[in-house]
N, C-alpha and C. Protein backbone atom coordinates (compact mmCIF):
# COMPACT_ATOMS: atom_id res chain seq x y z
N UNK A 1 7.83 13.55 17.16
CA UNK A 1 6.79 12.81 16.34
C UNK A 1 5.30 13.25 16.46
N UNK A 2 4.66 13.51 15.49
CA UNK A 2 3.33 14.18 15.79
C UNK A 2 2.27 12.86 16.04
N UNK A 3 1.65 13.06 17.19
CA UNK A 3 0.49 12.15 17.55
C UNK A 3 -0.74 12.78 17.62
N UNK A 4 -1.90 12.05 17.76
CA UNK A 4 -3.12 12.68 17.85
C UNK A 4 -3.37 13.07 19.42
N UNK A 5 -4.39 13.87 19.40
CA UNK A 5 -4.44 14.54 20.82
C UNK A 5 -4.92 13.59 22.03
N UNK A 6 -5.84 12.64 21.71
CA UNK A 6 -6.20 11.71 22.87
C UNK A 6 -6.98 10.71 22.08
N UNK A 7 -6.25 9.54 22.22
CA UNK A 7 -7.06 8.20 21.78
C UNK A 7 -6.75 7.04 22.46
N UNK A 8 -7.54 6.97 23.54
CA UNK A 8 -7.41 5.81 24.66
C UNK A 8 -8.03 4.75 23.99
N UNK A 9 -7.08 3.32 24.15
CA UNK A 9 -5.76 3.37 24.94
C UNK A 9 -4.77 3.66 24.31
N UNK A 10 -4.55 4.22 22.94
CA UNK A 10 -3.30 4.26 22.13
C UNK A 10 -2.58 5.37 22.52
N UNK A 11 -3.28 6.52 23.17
CA UNK A 11 -2.42 7.57 23.17
C UNK A 11 -3.12 8.34 24.40
N UNK A 12 -2.16 8.84 25.47
CA UNK A 12 -2.73 9.55 26.62
C UNK A 12 -1.59 10.81 26.83
N UNK A 13 -1.93 11.89 26.26
CA UNK A 13 -0.85 13.03 25.97
C UNK A 13 -0.59 13.43 27.41
N UNK A 14 -1.58 13.21 28.56
CA UNK A 14 -1.25 13.76 30.00
C UNK A 14 -0.16 13.13 30.57
N UNK A 15 -0.05 11.95 30.05
CA UNK A 15 1.13 11.06 30.70
C UNK A 15 2.24 10.46 29.47
N UNK A 16 1.98 10.83 28.44
CA UNK A 16 3.05 10.21 27.35
C UNK A 16 3.05 8.77 27.43
N UNK A 17 1.72 8.30 27.53
CA UNK A 17 1.83 6.76 27.50
C UNK A 17 0.66 6.34 26.58
N UNK A 18 0.28 4.86 26.56
CA UNK A 18 -0.52 4.54 25.69
C UNK A 18 -0.01 3.41 24.57
N UNK A 19 -0.64 2.55 24.19
CA UNK A 19 -0.35 1.69 23.41
C UNK A 19 0.76 2.05 22.15
N UNK A 20 0.18 3.08 21.47
CA UNK A 20 0.98 3.65 20.49
C UNK A 20 2.26 4.17 21.04
N UNK A 21 2.09 5.04 21.83
CA UNK A 21 3.54 5.71 22.30
C UNK A 21 4.50 4.72 22.72
N UNK A 22 4.01 3.69 23.41
CA UNK A 22 4.94 2.66 24.16
C UNK A 22 5.56 1.88 22.91
N UNK A 23 4.69 1.31 22.09
CA UNK A 23 5.50 0.52 20.93
C UNK A 23 6.38 1.52 20.15
N UNK A 24 5.73 2.52 19.59
CA UNK A 24 6.90 3.27 18.77
C UNK A 24 8.02 3.80 19.64
N UNK A 25 7.95 4.29 20.77
CA UNK A 25 8.99 4.63 21.66
C UNK A 25 10.05 3.33 21.85
N UNK A 26 9.39 2.32 22.38
CA UNK A 26 10.38 1.12 22.44
C UNK A 26 11.02 0.62 21.12
N UNK A 27 10.37 0.81 20.12
CA UNK A 27 10.93 0.39 18.81
C UNK A 27 12.04 1.17 18.48
N UNK A 28 11.75 2.54 18.44
CA UNK A 28 12.85 3.58 18.41
C UNK A 28 14.21 3.54 19.32
N UNK A 29 13.69 3.08 20.47
CA UNK A 29 14.90 3.00 21.44
C UNK A 29 15.74 1.84 21.30
N UNK A 30 15.36 0.89 20.35
CA UNK A 30 16.07 -0.25 20.25
C UNK A 30 17.20 0.09 19.45
N UNK A 31 17.47 1.16 18.75
CA UNK A 31 18.75 1.37 18.22
C UNK A 31 19.15 2.82 18.64
N UNK A 32 18.80 3.37 19.81
CA UNK A 32 19.30 4.41 20.62
C UNK A 32 18.46 5.66 20.30
N UNK A 33 17.38 5.68 19.55
CA UNK A 33 16.66 6.94 19.42
C UNK A 33 15.62 7.25 20.52
N UNK A 34 15.35 8.51 20.85
CA UNK A 34 14.46 8.78 22.01
C UNK A 34 13.25 9.72 21.26
N UNK A 35 12.21 9.02 21.68
CA UNK A 35 10.75 9.61 20.92
C UNK A 35 10.30 10.72 21.85
N UNK A 36 10.18 11.82 21.07
CA UNK A 36 9.68 13.05 21.91
C UNK A 36 8.37 13.36 21.00
N UNK A 37 7.11 12.97 21.74
CA UNK A 37 5.65 13.24 21.14
C UNK A 37 5.43 14.68 21.22
N UNK A 38 4.71 15.00 19.99
CA UNK A 38 4.08 16.45 20.04
C UNK A 38 2.40 16.10 19.50
N UNK A 39 1.66 16.64 20.24
CA UNK A 39 0.25 16.40 19.83
C UNK A 39 -0.55 17.42 19.12
N UNK A 40 -1.33 16.89 18.27
CA UNK A 40 -1.99 17.53 17.21
C UNK A 40 -3.42 17.18 17.23
N UNK A 41 -4.29 18.04 16.65
CA UNK A 41 -5.66 17.33 16.32
C UNK A 41 -5.20 16.43 15.22
N UNK A 42 -6.09 15.33 14.72
CA UNK A 42 -5.70 14.47 13.84
C UNK A 42 -5.57 15.40 12.32
N UNK A 43 -6.54 16.34 12.02
CA UNK A 43 -6.37 16.92 10.80
C UNK A 43 -4.95 17.48 10.59
N UNK A 44 -4.16 17.93 11.85
CA UNK A 44 -3.13 18.68 11.88
C UNK A 44 -1.80 17.77 11.54
N UNK A 45 -2.10 16.49 11.94
CA UNK A 45 -0.79 15.58 11.80
C UNK A 45 0.05 15.86 10.50
N UNK A 46 -0.65 15.36 9.44
CA UNK A 46 0.15 15.52 8.05
C UNK A 46 0.60 16.76 7.64
N UNK A 47 -0.13 17.79 8.12
CA UNK A 47 0.27 19.41 7.89
C UNK A 47 1.71 19.61 8.80
N UNK A 48 1.65 19.30 10.05
CA UNK A 48 2.84 19.52 10.71
C UNK A 48 4.20 18.62 10.31
N UNK A 49 3.83 17.59 9.57
CA UNK A 49 4.80 16.88 8.98
C UNK A 49 5.46 17.52 7.68
N UNK A 50 4.45 17.94 6.81
CA UNK A 50 4.89 18.88 5.80
C UNK A 50 5.34 20.24 6.14
N UNK A 51 5.00 20.88 7.06
CA UNK A 51 5.60 22.10 7.51
C UNK A 51 7.15 21.90 8.32
N UNK A 52 7.36 20.69 8.38
CA UNK A 52 8.83 20.31 9.21
C UNK A 52 8.68 20.75 10.55
N UNK A 53 7.36 20.66 11.11
CA UNK A 53 7.43 20.98 12.59
C UNK A 53 7.84 19.61 13.42
N UNK A 54 7.92 18.51 12.68
CA UNK A 54 8.10 17.24 13.46
C UNK A 54 8.94 16.34 12.30
N UNK A 55 9.58 15.43 12.78
CA UNK A 55 10.50 14.49 12.09
C UNK A 55 9.85 13.29 11.63
N UNK A 56 8.83 12.99 12.39
CA UNK A 56 8.02 11.87 12.08
C UNK A 56 6.42 12.09 12.38
N UNK A 57 5.63 11.29 12.00
CA UNK A 57 4.11 11.13 12.49
C UNK A 57 3.65 9.83 12.61
N UNK A 58 2.58 9.66 13.43
CA UNK A 58 2.06 8.40 13.51
C UNK A 58 1.19 7.88 12.49
N UNK A 59 0.75 8.83 11.60
CA UNK A 59 0.19 8.41 10.25
C UNK A 59 0.01 9.26 9.37
N UNK A 60 -0.20 9.19 8.06
CA UNK A 60 -0.31 10.00 6.91
C UNK A 60 -1.89 10.60 6.75
N UNK A 61 -2.81 9.97 7.46
CA UNK A 61 -3.99 10.42 7.52
C UNK A 61 -4.87 10.21 6.05
N UNK A 62 -4.30 9.24 5.39
CA UNK A 62 -4.65 8.72 4.12
C UNK A 62 -4.09 9.62 2.98
N UNK A 63 -2.88 10.64 3.34
CA UNK A 63 -2.35 11.22 2.29
C UNK A 63 -1.05 10.66 2.04
N UNK A 64 -0.65 10.69 0.79
CA UNK A 64 0.54 10.05 0.36
C UNK A 64 1.61 11.28 0.67
N UNK A 65 2.42 10.95 1.65
CA UNK A 65 3.43 11.98 2.00
C UNK A 65 4.81 11.80 1.54
N UNK A 66 4.87 10.86 0.47
CA UNK A 66 6.25 10.59 0.05
C UNK A 66 6.78 11.72 -0.82
N UNK A 67 6.05 12.48 -1.43
CA UNK A 67 6.33 13.64 -2.40
C UNK A 67 6.90 14.55 -1.33
N UNK A 68 6.62 14.68 0.00
CA UNK A 68 7.00 15.55 1.15
C UNK A 68 8.26 15.03 1.92
N UNK A 69 9.01 13.94 1.26
CA UNK A 69 10.06 13.51 1.77
C UNK A 69 9.87 12.31 3.02
N UNK A 70 8.60 11.67 3.01
CA UNK A 70 8.44 10.67 3.91
C UNK A 70 8.64 9.42 3.59
N UNK A 71 9.34 8.65 4.62
CA UNK A 71 9.75 7.15 4.39
C UNK A 71 8.53 6.31 5.44
N UNK A 72 7.99 5.41 4.68
CA UNK A 72 7.03 4.82 5.55
C UNK A 72 7.59 3.65 6.23
N UNK A 73 7.25 3.45 7.56
CA UNK A 73 7.54 2.35 8.49
C UNK A 73 6.78 1.23 8.40
N UNK A 74 6.99 0.25 8.95
CA UNK A 74 6.02 -1.09 8.90
C UNK A 74 4.88 -0.75 9.79
N UNK A 75 3.69 -1.19 9.59
CA UNK A 75 2.74 -1.00 10.53
C UNK A 75 2.96 -1.34 11.91
N UNK A 76 2.63 -0.59 12.99
CA UNK A 76 3.04 -0.70 14.26
C UNK A 76 1.90 -1.11 15.11
N UNK A 77 0.65 -0.22 14.95
CA UNK A 77 -0.57 -0.45 15.84
C UNK A 77 -1.71 -0.55 14.74
N UNK A 78 -2.85 -1.11 14.99
CA UNK A 78 -3.81 -1.18 14.24
C UNK A 78 -5.17 -0.94 14.57
N UNK A 79 -5.79 0.01 13.77
CA UNK A 79 -7.11 0.51 14.32
C UNK A 79 -8.08 -0.27 13.37
N UNK A 80 -9.14 -0.93 13.83
CA UNK A 80 -9.79 -2.00 13.18
C UNK A 80 -11.40 -1.58 13.48
N UNK A 81 -11.87 -0.74 12.73
CA UNK A 81 -13.21 -0.42 12.99
C UNK A 81 -14.43 -1.59 12.60
N UNK A 82 -15.32 -1.71 13.41
CA UNK A 82 -16.10 -2.83 13.39
C UNK A 82 -17.47 -1.91 13.95
N UNK A 83 -18.59 -2.67 13.39
CA UNK A 83 -19.94 -2.37 14.07
C UNK A 83 -20.10 -3.42 15.28
N UNK A 84 -20.51 -2.85 16.46
CA UNK A 84 -20.81 -3.66 17.52
C UNK A 84 -22.09 -3.53 17.99
N UNK A 85 -22.82 -4.83 18.35
CA UNK A 85 -24.19 -4.72 18.89
C UNK A 85 -24.13 -5.61 20.10
N UNK A 86 -25.16 -5.52 20.72
CA UNK A 86 -25.59 -6.51 21.85
C UNK A 86 -25.86 -7.89 21.38
N UNK A 87 -25.23 -8.84 21.93
CA UNK A 87 -25.27 -10.03 21.53
C UNK A 87 -26.76 -10.72 21.45
N UNK A 88 -27.48 -10.36 22.33
CA UNK A 88 -28.76 -11.12 22.45
C UNK A 88 -29.63 -10.46 21.29
N UNK A 89 -29.23 -9.29 20.64
CA UNK A 89 -30.22 -8.87 19.65
C UNK A 89 -30.03 -9.72 18.39
N UNK A 90 -29.03 -10.58 18.11
CA UNK A 90 -28.87 -11.43 16.99
C UNK A 90 -28.87 -10.48 15.69
N UNK A 91 -28.21 -9.52 15.62
CA UNK A 91 -28.16 -8.68 14.54
C UNK A 91 -27.25 -9.05 13.39
N UNK A 92 -27.60 -9.25 12.26
CA UNK A 92 -26.62 -9.79 11.23
C UNK A 92 -26.50 -8.43 10.30
N UNK A 93 -25.00 -7.95 10.08
CA UNK A 93 -24.59 -6.92 9.45
C UNK A 93 -23.77 -7.26 8.25
N UNK A 94 -24.20 -7.48 7.07
CA UNK A 94 -23.12 -7.90 6.12
C UNK A 94 -22.96 -6.89 4.91
N UNK A 95 -24.14 -6.23 4.63
CA UNK A 95 -24.13 -5.22 3.75
C UNK A 95 -24.89 -3.90 3.98
N UNK A 96 -24.64 -2.69 3.41
CA UNK A 96 -25.16 -1.45 4.03
C UNK A 96 -26.73 -1.52 4.33
N UNK A 97 -27.31 -2.31 3.31
CA UNK A 97 -28.94 -2.29 3.56
C UNK A 97 -29.33 -2.96 4.86
N UNK A 98 -28.40 -3.89 5.62
CA UNK A 98 -28.88 -4.39 6.91
C UNK A 98 -28.88 -3.28 7.68
N UNK A 99 -28.50 -2.14 7.58
CA UNK A 99 -28.62 -1.05 8.66
C UNK A 99 -29.70 -0.27 8.64
N UNK A 100 -30.89 -0.51 7.60
CA UNK A 100 -31.91 -0.01 7.52
C UNK A 100 -32.70 -0.06 8.56
N UNK A 101 -33.18 1.12 9.45
CA UNK A 101 -34.19 1.05 10.51
C UNK A 101 -33.39 1.05 11.91
N UNK A 102 -32.12 0.74 11.85
CA UNK A 102 -31.02 0.61 12.90
C UNK A 102 -30.46 2.00 13.27
N UNK A 103 -30.31 2.49 14.43
CA UNK A 103 -29.57 3.54 15.08
C UNK A 103 -28.09 3.05 15.15
N UNK A 104 -27.30 4.00 14.72
CA UNK A 104 -25.83 3.88 15.02
C UNK A 104 -25.09 4.97 15.51
N UNK A 105 -24.31 4.87 16.70
CA UNK A 105 -23.49 5.80 17.22
C UNK A 105 -22.23 5.60 16.99
N UNK A 106 -21.28 6.61 16.58
CA UNK A 106 -19.98 6.50 16.15
C UNK A 106 -19.02 7.49 16.61
N UNK A 107 -17.77 7.44 16.35
CA UNK A 107 -16.85 8.30 16.42
C UNK A 107 -16.91 9.47 15.52
N UNK A 108 -16.41 10.49 15.82
CA UNK A 108 -16.45 11.86 14.91
C UNK A 108 -15.96 11.67 13.60
N UNK A 109 -16.67 11.95 12.50
CA UNK A 109 -16.23 11.80 11.07
C UNK A 109 -16.29 10.70 10.37
N UNK A 110 -16.96 9.56 11.09
CA UNK A 110 -17.07 8.23 10.47
C UNK A 110 -18.14 8.16 9.22
N UNK A 111 -19.08 9.10 9.30
CA UNK A 111 -19.89 9.27 8.14
C UNK A 111 -19.18 9.69 6.64
N UNK A 112 -18.12 10.43 6.99
CA UNK A 112 -17.45 11.15 5.75
C UNK A 112 -16.48 9.97 5.37
N UNK A 113 -15.83 9.01 6.30
CA UNK A 113 -15.08 7.91 5.94
C UNK A 113 -15.72 6.89 5.32
N UNK A 114 -16.93 6.51 5.68
CA UNK A 114 -17.63 5.24 5.19
C UNK A 114 -19.19 5.61 4.67
N UNK A 115 -19.01 6.62 3.56
CA UNK A 115 -20.56 6.96 3.30
C UNK A 115 -21.39 6.14 2.52
N UNK A 116 -20.72 5.04 2.05
CA UNK A 116 -21.31 3.90 1.15
C UNK A 116 -22.11 3.14 2.29
N UNK A 117 -21.82 3.13 3.60
CA UNK A 117 -22.45 2.39 4.73
C UNK A 117 -23.35 3.25 5.50
N UNK A 118 -22.95 4.63 5.82
CA UNK A 118 -23.56 5.48 6.67
C UNK A 118 -24.26 6.51 6.05
N UNK A 119 -24.30 6.88 4.80
CA UNK A 119 -25.08 7.87 4.14
C UNK A 119 -26.77 7.71 4.41
N UNK A 120 -27.35 6.74 4.08
CA UNK A 120 -28.61 6.35 4.09
C UNK A 120 -29.08 6.46 5.64
N UNK A 121 -28.11 5.82 6.75
CA UNK A 121 -28.43 6.00 8.06
C UNK A 121 -28.62 7.22 8.52
N UNK A 122 -27.64 8.05 7.95
CA UNK A 122 -27.83 9.59 8.20
C UNK A 122 -28.78 10.40 7.78
N UNK A 123 -29.15 10.04 6.41
CA UNK A 123 -30.32 10.66 5.94
C UNK A 123 -31.64 10.48 6.51
N UNK A 124 -31.76 9.09 6.96
CA UNK A 124 -32.86 8.74 8.06
C UNK A 124 -32.96 9.16 9.25
N UNK A 125 -31.86 10.02 9.78
CA UNK A 125 -31.93 10.69 10.99
C UNK A 125 -31.45 9.54 12.06
N UNK A 126 -30.79 8.51 11.74
CA UNK A 126 -30.57 7.50 12.69
C UNK A 126 -29.13 7.46 12.97
N UNK A 127 -28.41 8.46 12.62
CA UNK A 127 -26.89 8.49 12.74
C UNK A 127 -26.42 9.66 13.82
N UNK A 128 -25.67 9.07 14.70
CA UNK A 128 -25.12 10.02 15.93
C UNK A 128 -23.58 10.09 15.96
N UNK A 129 -22.88 11.01 16.30
CA UNK A 129 -21.48 11.08 16.41
C UNK A 129 -21.19 11.51 17.94
N UNK A 130 -20.46 10.62 18.43
CA UNK A 130 -19.86 10.98 20.02
C UNK A 130 -18.66 10.93 20.06
N UNK A 131 -17.94 11.96 20.55
CA UNK A 131 -16.34 12.05 20.59
C UNK A 131 -16.01 11.16 21.98
N UNK A 132 -17.04 11.24 23.18
CA UNK A 132 -16.55 10.56 24.32
C UNK A 132 -16.98 9.14 24.01
N UNK A 133 -15.81 8.10 23.72
CA UNK A 133 -16.26 6.95 23.07
C UNK A 133 -16.65 5.94 24.59
N UNK A 134 -16.42 6.43 25.78
CA UNK A 134 -16.84 5.74 26.77
C UNK A 134 -18.53 5.63 26.82
N UNK A 135 -18.86 6.96 26.41
CA UNK A 135 -20.41 6.94 26.42
C UNK A 135 -20.98 5.88 25.32
N UNK A 136 -20.31 5.60 24.13
CA UNK A 136 -20.79 4.57 23.33
C UNK A 136 -21.10 3.31 23.94
N UNK A 137 -20.03 3.01 24.75
CA UNK A 137 -20.15 1.51 25.62
C UNK A 137 -21.36 1.61 26.33
N UNK A 138 -21.61 2.69 27.18
CA UNK A 138 -22.68 2.75 28.11
C UNK A 138 -24.08 2.87 27.37
N UNK A 139 -24.06 3.76 26.31
CA UNK A 139 -25.48 3.97 25.61
C UNK A 139 -25.80 2.72 24.80
N UNK A 140 -24.91 1.78 24.31
CA UNK A 140 -25.27 0.74 23.40
C UNK A 140 -25.81 -0.40 24.59
N UNK A 141 -25.16 -0.36 25.87
CA UNK A 141 -25.47 -1.45 26.81
C UNK A 141 -26.94 -1.18 27.08
N UNK A 142 -27.33 0.20 27.49
CA UNK A 142 -28.58 0.40 28.01
C UNK A 142 -29.48 0.54 26.73
N UNK A 143 -29.07 0.11 25.53
CA UNK A 143 -30.19 0.02 24.42
C UNK A 143 -30.74 1.17 23.87
N UNK A 144 -29.85 2.18 24.09
CA UNK A 144 -30.15 3.43 23.43
C UNK A 144 -29.96 3.69 21.92
N UNK A 145 -28.79 2.68 21.40
CA UNK A 145 -28.70 2.56 20.08
C UNK A 145 -28.56 1.11 19.69
N UNK A 146 -28.89 0.88 18.46
CA UNK A 146 -28.58 -0.41 18.11
C UNK A 146 -27.17 -0.97 17.76
N UNK A 147 -26.38 0.06 17.30
CA UNK A 147 -24.96 -0.17 16.98
C UNK A 147 -24.04 0.82 17.05
N UNK A 148 -22.72 0.47 17.75
CA UNK A 148 -21.58 1.39 17.82
C UNK A 148 -20.77 0.96 16.64
N UNK A 149 -20.21 2.18 16.19
CA UNK A 149 -19.06 1.87 15.28
C UNK A 149 -17.85 2.41 16.00
N UNK A 150 -16.93 1.45 16.13
CA UNK A 150 -15.66 1.95 16.80
C UNK A 150 -14.65 0.89 16.60
N UNK A 151 -13.42 1.37 16.92
CA UNK A 151 -12.28 0.49 16.79
C UNK A 151 -12.38 -0.72 17.85
N UNK A 152 -12.12 -1.79 17.53
CA UNK A 152 -12.49 -2.92 18.59
C UNK A 152 -11.56 -2.90 19.90
N UNK A 153 -10.51 -2.34 19.87
CA UNK A 153 -9.62 -2.20 20.88
C UNK A 153 -9.98 -1.00 21.70
N UNK A 154 -10.36 0.16 20.93
CA UNK A 154 -10.77 1.27 21.85
C UNK A 154 -12.25 0.73 22.68
N UNK A 155 -13.12 0.24 21.96
CA UNK A 155 -14.27 -0.32 22.68
C UNK A 155 -13.96 -1.25 23.66
N UNK A 156 -13.10 -2.15 23.44
CA UNK A 156 -12.91 -3.11 24.56
C UNK A 156 -12.06 -2.46 25.90
N UNK A 157 -11.34 -1.45 25.56
CA UNK A 157 -10.70 -0.60 26.56
C UNK A 157 -11.54 0.00 27.36
N UNK A 158 -12.75 0.66 26.90
CA UNK A 158 -13.68 1.28 27.50
C UNK A 158 -14.60 0.33 28.20
N UNK A 159 -14.91 -0.72 27.72
CA UNK A 159 -15.65 -1.90 28.48
C UNK A 159 -14.99 -2.11 29.67
N UNK A 160 -13.50 -2.23 29.44
CA UNK A 160 -12.81 -2.68 30.72
C UNK A 160 -12.99 -1.70 31.94
N UNK A 161 -12.79 -0.49 31.50
CA UNK A 161 -12.98 0.66 32.41
C UNK A 161 -14.23 0.64 33.14
N UNK A 162 -15.31 0.23 32.35
CA UNK A 162 -16.52 0.44 32.88
C UNK A 162 -16.78 -0.79 33.85
N UNK A 163 -16.15 -1.76 33.55
CA UNK A 163 -16.23 -3.24 34.67
C UNK A 163 -15.62 -2.85 35.99
N UNK A 164 -14.31 -2.04 35.72
CA UNK A 164 -13.67 -1.73 36.97
C UNK A 164 -14.42 -0.88 38.05
N UNK A 165 -15.39 -0.20 37.46
CA UNK A 165 -16.41 0.60 38.32
C UNK A 165 -17.32 -0.30 39.22
N UNK A 166 -17.64 -1.46 38.66
CA UNK A 166 -18.59 -2.56 39.20
C UNK A 166 -19.68 -2.82 38.40
N UNK A 167 -19.66 -1.98 37.16
CA UNK A 167 -20.69 -2.10 36.26
C UNK A 167 -20.49 -3.27 35.30
N UNK A 168 -21.64 -4.14 35.06
CA UNK A 168 -21.38 -5.34 34.41
C UNK A 168 -22.04 -5.01 32.91
N UNK A 169 -21.40 -4.83 31.92
CA UNK A 169 -21.90 -4.61 30.43
C UNK A 169 -22.40 -6.02 30.06
N UNK A 170 -23.38 -5.90 29.17
CA UNK A 170 -23.98 -7.18 28.27
C UNK A 170 -22.96 -7.82 27.38
N UNK A 171 -22.99 -8.95 27.09
CA UNK A 171 -22.07 -9.44 25.95
C UNK A 171 -22.46 -8.82 24.54
N UNK A 172 -21.31 -8.66 23.98
CA UNK A 172 -21.51 -8.03 22.85
C UNK A 172 -21.20 -8.92 21.52
N UNK A 173 -21.50 -8.36 20.10
CA UNK A 173 -21.07 -9.17 19.13
C UNK A 173 -20.30 -8.04 18.01
N UNK A 174 -19.38 -8.56 17.15
CA UNK A 174 -18.75 -7.77 16.36
C UNK A 174 -19.00 -7.87 14.95
N UNK A 175 -19.19 -6.81 14.29
CA UNK A 175 -19.52 -7.29 12.76
C UNK A 175 -18.46 -6.51 11.97
N UNK A 176 -17.78 -7.28 11.20
CA UNK A 176 -16.88 -6.55 10.34
C UNK A 176 -17.57 -6.15 9.18
N UNK A 177 -17.12 -4.75 8.62
CA UNK A 177 -17.80 -4.32 7.34
C UNK A 177 -17.02 -3.84 6.32
N UNK A 178 -15.50 -3.63 6.62
CA UNK A 178 -14.78 -3.37 5.61
C UNK A 178 -13.36 -4.24 5.67
N UNK A 179 -12.61 -4.57 4.76
CA UNK A 179 -11.63 -5.31 4.66
C UNK A 179 -10.40 -4.50 5.22
N UNK A 180 -10.16 -5.07 6.35
CA UNK A 180 -9.07 -4.90 7.18
C UNK A 180 -7.61 -4.70 6.49
N UNK A 181 -7.07 -3.56 6.24
CA UNK A 181 -5.61 -3.69 5.66
C UNK A 181 -4.62 -2.90 6.50
N UNK A 182 -3.61 -3.57 7.11
CA UNK A 182 -2.71 -2.97 7.95
C UNK A 182 -1.79 -2.02 7.42
N UNK A 183 -1.64 -2.06 6.13
CA UNK A 183 -0.92 -0.88 5.34
C UNK A 183 -1.76 0.27 5.32
N UNK A 184 -3.02 0.43 5.70
CA UNK A 184 -3.54 1.68 5.50
C UNK A 184 -3.13 2.74 6.56
N UNK A 185 -2.43 2.22 7.71
CA UNK A 185 -2.14 2.90 8.91
C UNK A 185 -0.45 2.69 9.29
N UNK A 186 0.17 3.63 8.85
CA UNK A 186 1.72 3.33 9.11
C UNK A 186 2.37 4.54 9.66
N UNK A 187 3.33 4.37 10.34
CA UNK A 187 4.03 5.83 10.90
C UNK A 187 4.87 6.09 9.56
N UNK A 188 5.32 7.53 9.53
CA UNK A 188 6.12 8.10 8.47
C UNK A 188 7.41 8.73 9.18
N UNK A 189 8.48 8.61 8.42
CA UNK A 189 9.85 9.40 8.99
C UNK A 189 10.38 9.94 7.81
N UNK A 190 10.94 11.17 8.17
CA UNK A 190 11.74 12.15 7.31
C UNK A 190 13.17 11.51 7.03
N UNK A 191 13.57 10.82 8.00
CA UNK A 191 14.83 10.30 7.78
C UNK A 191 14.73 8.77 7.55
N UNK A 192 15.43 8.14 6.39
CA UNK A 192 15.37 6.96 6.00
C UNK A 192 15.93 5.97 6.91
N UNK A 193 17.35 6.39 7.54
CA UNK A 193 17.81 5.39 8.35
C UNK A 193 17.14 5.26 9.67
N UNK A 194 16.39 6.31 10.26
CA UNK A 194 15.63 6.06 11.39
C UNK A 194 14.45 5.46 11.20
N UNK A 195 13.97 5.33 10.00
CA UNK A 195 12.76 4.41 9.61
C UNK A 195 13.39 3.21 9.83
N UNK A 196 14.48 2.81 8.96
CA UNK A 196 15.11 1.44 9.19
C UNK A 196 15.23 0.92 10.52
N UNK A 197 15.63 1.82 11.37
CA UNK A 197 16.06 1.66 12.86
C UNK A 197 14.70 1.39 13.44
N UNK A 198 13.79 1.95 13.23
CA UNK A 198 12.46 1.68 13.74
C UNK A 198 11.78 0.41 13.26
N UNK A 199 11.88 -0.17 12.17
CA UNK A 199 11.59 -1.22 11.38
C UNK A 199 12.14 -2.37 12.29
N UNK A 200 13.55 -2.20 12.54
CA UNK A 200 14.27 -3.26 13.27
C UNK A 200 13.68 -3.55 14.52
N UNK A 201 13.53 -2.39 15.28
CA UNK A 201 13.09 -2.52 16.64
C UNK A 201 11.79 -3.05 16.92
N UNK A 202 10.78 -2.78 15.77
CA UNK A 202 9.38 -3.17 15.86
C UNK A 202 9.52 -4.85 15.54
N UNK A 203 10.29 -5.18 14.75
CA UNK A 203 10.64 -6.43 14.69
C UNK A 203 10.95 -7.23 15.77
N UNK A 204 11.91 -6.67 16.46
CA UNK A 204 12.40 -6.98 17.79
C UNK A 204 11.32 -7.31 18.82
N UNK A 205 10.31 -6.33 18.92
CA UNK A 205 9.28 -6.26 20.07
C UNK A 205 8.47 -7.45 19.76
N UNK A 206 8.30 -7.81 18.37
CA UNK A 206 7.32 -8.82 18.04
C UNK A 206 8.06 -10.17 18.29
N UNK A 207 9.16 -10.19 17.86
CA UNK A 207 9.82 -11.45 18.21
C UNK A 207 9.93 -11.88 19.68
N UNK A 208 10.19 -11.11 20.36
CA UNK A 208 10.45 -11.07 22.07
C UNK A 208 9.08 -11.26 22.88
N UNK A 209 7.95 -10.89 22.16
CA UNK A 209 6.69 -10.86 22.87
C UNK A 209 6.32 -9.50 23.43
N UNK A 210 7.33 -8.76 23.38
CA UNK A 210 6.98 -7.48 24.16
C UNK A 210 6.01 -6.70 23.47
N UNK A 211 5.78 -6.73 22.02
CA UNK A 211 4.71 -6.07 21.60
C UNK A 211 3.36 -6.31 21.98
N UNK A 212 3.08 -7.79 22.20
CA UNK A 212 1.76 -8.24 22.71
C UNK A 212 1.66 -8.00 24.31
N UNK A 213 2.70 -7.92 24.91
CA UNK A 213 2.80 -7.43 26.32
C UNK A 213 2.21 -6.05 26.49
N UNK A 214 2.69 -5.11 25.55
CA UNK A 214 2.10 -3.76 25.82
C UNK A 214 0.73 -3.73 25.33
N UNK A 215 0.11 -4.43 24.46
CA UNK A 215 -1.35 -4.68 24.35
C UNK A 215 -2.08 -5.05 25.48
N UNK A 216 -1.72 -6.17 25.80
CA UNK A 216 -2.26 -6.66 27.19
C UNK A 216 -2.11 -5.71 28.31
N UNK A 217 -1.02 -5.01 28.32
CA UNK A 217 -1.09 -3.99 29.62
C UNK A 217 -2.12 -3.18 29.67
N UNK A 218 -2.93 -2.77 28.50
CA UNK A 218 -3.76 -1.82 28.40
C UNK A 218 -5.24 -2.50 28.25
N UNK A 219 -5.06 -3.74 27.58
CA UNK A 219 -6.54 -4.37 27.09
C UNK A 219 -6.82 -5.86 28.02
N UNK A 220 -5.81 -6.07 28.88
CA UNK A 220 -6.07 -7.57 29.33
C UNK A 220 -5.57 -8.70 28.40
N UNK A 221 -5.92 -9.68 28.99
CA UNK A 221 -5.53 -10.97 28.10
C UNK A 221 -6.51 -10.90 26.97
N UNK A 222 -5.82 -11.43 25.87
CA UNK A 222 -6.70 -11.57 24.55
C UNK A 222 -7.91 -12.28 24.68
């Protein structure tokens, strides 16, 4: 199964661990399947599926892979991108115009994904991308940027990592800016039966509480 190269806390290739690998692996194991992850850059994931290099993929990356033989599984993990600010700034972000004059640091590729929100910020020279998402937490805390654009759980994970070093980050506030749709991010399988077995295993993980336990293992209590 194709996975992204490194997406803490969802995917740690060096140890074959992380929220996403554990959820998908345990869901597949429910009916006797063994997950064998292969790691690619994000752009290569759908390409690898189309080329039959893998039997499944963590995501279609926005492409409809059904013409290439894909059967879509139920949503297993969720990437929920939000703007994050320091709470004491009392910022209100409800529409793109609210970003006027504010500096934004984000994960790579966000400007292409959300042009209606970020094009003007980029044109003003106030938009920056940073692959090291741990630095996003630190630079926001030090006031070098007004907003971070990040998946809320990735930001939470790196905040917890920072706290474990003895650092005490300031309280933050989240600003939802796009409608969250869990169907935007689903695993794909070449074999319909394996897809069905996966869905049954995922349902079992959720009914038994194991799904939430995996999240808590990496992110602490909700």
